[in-house]
């Protein structure tokens, strides 16, 4: 039981947990920005191709 308590104390004192959370938040923000940019690009490309297709007809 002493070893479990000691390991739990070391886990709570270590800074690996908060660092992992920070990286996860950063990754989530990067993914959101990428998805937003890709969606915007797709919408603009679709409008351009629609305009070109209409002018060809």
C-alpha atoms as a PDB file:
ATOM      1  CA  UNK A   1       0.000   0.000   0.000  1.00  0.00           C
ATOM      2  CA  UNK A   2       2.931   2.328   0.688  1.00  0.00           C
ATOM      3  CA  UNK A   3       4.277   1.898  -2.818  1.00  0.00           C
ATOM      4  CA  UNK A   4       0.874   2.704  -4.318  1.00  0.00           C
ATOM      5  CA  UNK A   5       0.612   5.877  -2.239  1.00  0.00           C
ATOM      6  CA  UNK A   6       4.147   6.872  -3.183  1.00  0.00           C
ATOM      7  CA  UNK A   7       3.513   6.283  -6.895  1.00  0.00           C
ATOM      8  CA  UNK A   8       0.256   8.236  -6.701  1.00  0.00           C
ATOM      9  CA  UNK A   9       2.064  11.131  -5.029  1.00  0.00           C
ATOM     10  CA  UNK A  10       4.776  11.087  -7.714  1.00  0.00           C
ATOM     11  CA  UNK A  11       2.118  11.074 -10.433  1.00  0.00           C
ATOM     12  CA  UNK A  12       0.331  14.067  -8.929  1.00  0.00           C
ATOM     13  CA  UNK A  13       3.584  15.999  -8.495  1.00  0.00           C
ATOM     14  CA  UNK A  14       4.948  15.243 -11.982  1.00  0.00           C
ATOM     15  CA  UNK A  15       4.217  17.703 -14.768  1.00  0.00           C
ATOM     16  CA  UNK A  16       3.686  15.125 -17.511  1.00  0.00           C
ATOM     17  CA  UNK A  17      -0.105  15.233 -17.157  1.00  0.00           C
ATOM     18  CA  UNK A  18      -0.555  18.990 -17.656  1.00  0.00           C
ATOM     19  CA  UNK A  19       1.922  18.972 -20.529  1.00  0.00           C
ATOM     20  CA  UNK A  20      -0.066  16.245 -22.279  1.00  0.00           C
ATOM     21  CA  UNK A  21      -3.263  18.250 -21.787  1.00  0.00           C
ATOM     22  CA  UNK A  22      -1.623  21.351 -23.252  1.00  0.00           C
ATOM     23  CA  UNK A  23      -0.497  19.394 -26.299  1.00  0.00           C
ATOM     24  CA  UNK A  24      -3.991  17.938 -26.723  1.00  0.00           C
ATOM     25  CA  UNK A  25      -5.576  21.401 -26.606  1.00  0.00           C
ATOM     26  CA  UNK A  26      -3.006  22.727 -29.081  1.00  0.00           C
ATOM     27  CA  UNK A  27      -3.653  19.799 -31.421  1.00  0.00           C
ATOM     28  CA  UNK A  28      -7.409  20.334 -31.211  1.00  0.00           C
ATOM     29  CA  UNK A  29      -7.008  24.017 -32.105  1.00  0.00           C
ATOM     30  CA  UNK A  30      -4.747  23.172 -35.045  1.00  0.00           C
ATOM     31  CA  UNK A  31      -7.275  20.620 -36.319  1.00  0.00           C
ATOM     32  CA  UNK A  32     -10.101  23.159 -36.059  1.00  0.00           C
ATOM     33  CA  UNK A  33      -8.108  25.770 -37.977  1.00  0.00           C
ATOM     34  CA  UNK A  34      -7.179  23.246 -40.670  1.00  0.00           C
ATOM     35  CA  UNK A  35     -10.777  22.084 -41.093  1.00  0.00           C
ATOM     36  CA  UNK A  36     -11.990  25.663 -41.335  1.00  0.00           C
ATOM     37  CA  UNK A  37      -9.364  26.502 -43.960  1.00  0.00           C
ATOM     38  CA  UNK A  38     -10.118  23.368 -45.989  1.00  0.00           C
ATOM     39  CA  UNK A  39     -13.851  24.058 -45.894  1.00  0.00           C
ATOM     40  CA  UNK A  40     -13.315  27.634 -47.021  1.00  0.00           C
ATOM     41  CA  UNK A  41     -11.008  26.538 -49.827  1.00  0.00           C
ATOM     42  CA  UNK A  42     -13.493  23.899 -50.941  1.00  0.00           C
ATOM     43  CA  UNK A  43     -16.320  26.406 -51.032  1.00  0.00           C
ATOM     44  CA  UNK A  44     -14.258  28.884 -53.049  1.00  0.00           C
ATOM     45  CA  UNK A  45     -13.086  26.186 -55.465  1.00  0.00           C
ATOM     46  CA  UNK A  46     -16.639  24.965 -55.946  1.00  0.00           C
ATOM     47  CA  UNK A  47     -17.829  28.492 -56.735  1.00  0.00           C
ATOM     48  CA  UNK A  48     -14.986  28.961 -59.223  1.00  0.00           C
ATOM     49  CA  UNK A  49     -15.688  25.686 -61.013  1.00  0.00           C
ATOM     50  CA  UNK A  50     -19.407  26.430 -61.118  1.00  0.00           C
ATOM     51  CA  UNK A  51     -18.693  29.829 -62.656  1.00  0.00           C
ATOM     52  CA  UNK A  52     -16.369  28.276 -65.261  1.00  0.00           C
ATOM     53  CA  UNK A  53     -18.899  25.553 -66.081  1.00  0.00           C
ATOM     54  CA  UNK A  54     -21.639  28.150 -66.558  1.00  0.00           C
ATOM     55  CA  UNK A  55     -19.464  30.206 -68.884  1.00  0.00           C
ATOM     56  CA  UNK A  56     -18.583  27.167 -71.025  1.00  0.00           C
ATOM     57  CA  UNK A  57     -22.233  26.231 -71.689  1.00  0.00           C
END
